[in-house]
C-alpha atoms as a PDB file:
ATOM      1  CA  UNK A   1      25.387  61.487  68.402  1.00  0.00           C
ATOM      2  CA  UNK A   2      26.834  61.127  71.926  1.00  0.00           C
ATOM      3  CA  UNK A   3      23.444  62.036  73.411  1.00  0.00           C
ATOM      4  CA  UNK A   4      21.739  59.307  71.396  1.00  0.00           C
ATOM      5  CA  UNK A   5      24.240  56.713  72.657  1.00  0.00           C
ATOM      6  CA  UNK A   6      23.896  57.866  76.265  1.00  0.00           C
ATOM      7  CA  UNK A   7      20.093  57.858  76.084  1.00  0.00           C
ATOM      8  CA  UNK A   8      20.160  54.395  74.475  1.00  0.00           C
ATOM      9  CA  UNK A   9      22.506  53.062  77.174  1.00  0.00           C
ATOM     10  CA  UNK A  10      20.340  54.463  79.990  1.00  0.00           C
ATOM     11  CA  UNK A  11      17.197  53.010  78.410  1.00  0.00           C
ATOM     12  CA  UNK A  12      18.873  49.626  78.061  1.00  0.00           C
ATOM     13  CA  UNK A  13      20.017  49.606  81.699  1.00  0.00           C
ATOM     14  CA  UNK A  14      16.543  50.574  82.929  1.00  0.00           C
ATOM     15  CA  UNK A  15      14.889  47.806  80.915  1.00  0.00           C
ATOM     16  CA  UNK A  16      17.321  45.211  82.312  1.00  0.00           C
ATOM     17  CA  UNK A  17      16.697  46.158  85.930  1.00  0.00           C
ATOM     18  CA  UNK A  18      12.899  45.834  85.747  1.00  0.00           C
ATOM     19  CA  UNK A  19      12.721  42.066  85.003  1.00  0.00           C
ATOM     20  CA  UNK A  20      15.354  41.375  87.661  1.00  0.00           C
ATOM     21  CA  UNK A  21      13.368  43.096  90.390  1.00  0.00           C
ATOM     22  CA  UNK A  22      10.192  41.268  89.370  1.00  0.00           C
ATOM     23  CA  UNK A  23      11.959  37.895  89.505  1.00  0.00           C
ATOM     24  CA  UNK A  24      13.406  38.676  92.925  1.00  0.00           C
ATOM     25  CA  UNK A  25       9.940  39.564  94.206  1.00  0.00           C
ATOM     26  CA  UNK A  26       8.511  36.259  92.992  1.00  0.00           C
ATOM     27  CA  UNK A  27      11.373  34.333  94.558  1.00  0.00           C
ATOM     28  CA  UNK A  28      10.773  35.882  97.980  1.00  0.00           C
ATOM     29  CA  UNK A  29       7.074  35.001  97.972  1.00  0.00           C
ATOM     30  CA  UNK A  30       7.778  31.372  96.969  1.00  0.00           C
ATOM     31  CA  UNK A  31      10.383  31.009  99.716  1.00  0.00           C
ATOM     32  CA  UNK A  32       8.011  32.247 102.391  1.00  0.00           C
ATOM     33  CA  UNK A  33       5.487  29.555 101.442  1.00  0.00           C
ATOM     34  CA  UNK A  34       8.041  26.805 101.991  1.00  0.00           C
ATOM     35  CA  UNK A  35       8.961  28.066 105.467  1.00  0.00           C
ATOM     36  CA  UNK A  36       5.499  27.562 106.947  1.00  0.00           C
ATOM     37  CA  UNK A  37       5.619  26.057 110.454  1.00  0.00           C
ATOM     38  CA  UNK A  38       3.875  22.731 110.869  1.00  0.00           C
ATOM     39  CA  UNK A  39       2.519  21.752 114.273  1.00  0.00           C
ATOM     40  CA  UNK A  40       2.557  18.012 115.007  1.00  0.00           C
ATOM     41  CA  UNK A  41       0.359  15.949 117.340  1.00  0.00           C
ATOM     42  CA  UNK A  42       1.217  12.407 118.398  1.00  0.00           C
ATOM     43  CA  UNK A  43      -0.508   9.637 116.476  1.00  0.00           C
ATOM     44  CA  UNK A  44      -0.699   5.890 117.148  1.00  0.00           C
ATOM     45  CA  UNK A  45       1.409   3.856 114.727  1.00  0.00           C
ATOM     46  CA  UNK A  46      -1.599   1.821 113.596  1.00  0.00           C
ATOM     47  CA  UNK A  47      -3.350   5.059 112.571  1.00  0.00           C
ATOM     48  CA  UNK A  48      -0.690   5.838 109.945  1.00  0.00           C
ATOM     49  CA  UNK A  49      -1.899   5.426 106.356  1.00  0.00           C
ATOM     50  CA  UNK A  50      -1.148   2.050 104.779  1.00  0.00           C
ATOM     51  CA  UNK A  51       1.096   3.722 102.195  1.00  0.00           C
ATOM     52  CA  UNK A  52       3.302   5.167 104.976  1.00  0.00           C
ATOM     53  CA  UNK A  53       3.364   1.874 106.888  1.00  0.00           C
ATOM     54  CA  UNK A  54       4.413   0.018 103.729  1.00  0.00           C
ATOM     55  CA  UNK A  55       7.194   2.520 102.970  1.00  0.00           C
ATOM     56  CA  UNK A  56       8.506   2.244 106.533  1.00  0.00           C
ATOM     57  CA  UNK A  57       8.472  -1.567 106.442  1.00  0.00           C
ATOM     58  CA  UNK A  58      10.279  -1.599 103.096  1.00  0.00           C
ATOM     59  CA  UNK A  59      12.896   1.136 103.588  1.00  0.00           C
ATOM     60  CA  UNK A  60      13.370   1.268 107.368  1.00  0.00           C
ATOM     61  CA  UNK A  61      12.883  -2.337 108.524  1.00  0.00           C
ATOM     62  CA  UNK A  62      16.106  -2.190 110.567  1.00  0.00           C
ATOM     63  CA  UNK A  63      14.737   0.697 112.681  1.00  0.00           C
ATOM     64  CA  UNK A  64      12.347   0.647 115.627  1.00  0.00           C
ATOM     65  CA  UNK A  65       9.524   3.183 115.612  1.00  0.00           C
ATOM     66  CA  UNK A  66       9.626   5.440 118.671  1.00  0.00           C
ATOM     67  CA  UNK A  67       6.800   7.873 117.878  1.00  0.00           C
ATOM     68  CA  UNK A  68       4.600   8.980 115.018  1.00  0.00           C
ATOM     69  CA  UNK A  69       2.933  12.337 114.479  1.00  0.00           C
ATOM     70  CA  UNK A  70       0.428  14.006 112.175  1.00  0.00           C
ATOM     71  CA  UNK A  71       0.879  17.645 111.180  1.00  0.00           C
ATOM     72  CA  UNK A  72      -1.758  20.342 110.931  1.00  0.00           C
ATOM     73  CA  UNK A  73      -1.161  20.225 107.156  1.00  0.00           C
ATOM     74  CA  UNK A  74      -1.898  16.469 107.002  1.00  0.00           C
ATOM     75  CA  UNK A  75       1.776  15.459 106.761  1.00  0.00           C
ATOM     76  CA  UNK A  76       3.397  12.724 108.850  1.00  0.00           C
ATOM     77  CA  UNK A  77       6.564  12.680 110.952  1.00  0.00           C
ATOM     78  CA  UNK A  78       7.919   9.407 112.262  1.00  0.00           C
ATOM     79  CA  UNK A  79      10.794   9.090 114.738  1.00  0.00           C
ATOM     80  CA  UNK A  80      12.814   5.924 114.187  1.00  0.00           C
ATOM     81  CA  UNK A  81      15.678   4.487 116.215  1.00  0.00           C
ATOM     82  CA  UNK A  82      18.537   2.037 115.933  1.00  0.00           C
ATOM     83  CA  UNK A  83      21.827   1.767 117.874  1.00  0.00           C
ATOM     84  CA  UNK A  84      23.667   4.085 115.466  1.00  0.00           C
ATOM     85  CA  UNK A  85      21.192   6.918 116.086  1.00  0.00           C
ATOM     86  CA  UNK A  86      17.707   8.292 115.622  1.00  0.00           C
ATOM     87  CA  UNK A  87      16.147   9.739 112.494  1.00  0.00           C
ATOM     88  CA  UNK A  88      12.960  11.589 111.614  1.00  0.00           C
ATOM     89  CA  UNK A  89      11.216  10.535 108.409  1.00  0.00           C
ATOM     90  CA  UNK A  90       8.625  12.811 106.795  1.00  0.00           C
ATOM     91  CA  UNK A  91       5.742  11.961 104.450  1.00  0.00           C
ATOM     92  CA  UNK A  92       3.255  14.342 102.829  1.00  0.00           C
ATOM     93  CA  UNK A  93      -0.520  14.147 103.232  1.00  0.00           C
ATOM     94  CA  UNK A  94      -0.707  11.678 100.318  1.00  0.00           C
ATOM     95  CA  UNK A  95       1.690   9.330 102.128  1.00  0.00           C
ATOM     96  CA  UNK A  96       4.600  10.057  99.785  1.00  0.00           C
ATOM     97  CA  UNK A  97       8.150  10.219 101.173  1.00  0.00           C
ATOM     98  CA  UNK A  98       9.450  13.809 101.592  1.00  0.00           C
ATOM     99  CA  UNK A  99      12.730  13.675 103.507  1.00  0.00           C
ATOM    100  CA  UNK A 100      14.826  12.090 106.250  1.00  0.00           C
ATOM    101  CA  UNK A 101      16.697  13.964 108.994  1.00  0.00           C
ATOM    102  CA  UNK A 102      19.317  12.734 111.426  1.00  0.00           C
ATOM    103  CA  UNK A 103      18.440  13.591 115.017  1.00  0.00           C
ATOM    104  CA  UNK A 104      20.885  14.458 117.751  1.00  0.00           C
ATOM    105  CA  UNK A 105      20.970  11.822 120.462  1.00  0.00           C
END
């Protein structure tokens, strides 16, 4: 009877560890996709898509645009300034807002 319990416990522990290792493997591959480096080239402000220009005018009207960039993945990075500090605003290739970062002065 003890052998049956021990064998059952070992089998249970082995079955629990398999799904965990598979999930960890999937998590690592998804994380590496997010960390892809994007290379940006300067872009004239008037060349930004209308959707990005509209979002900037609506949400960041109190900032002055210093520079705008397009990434090798089609995304956009815009450097904005006001007396309190500079920020970088990011949009995806569809012109949808992604994030905002404070920049060191």
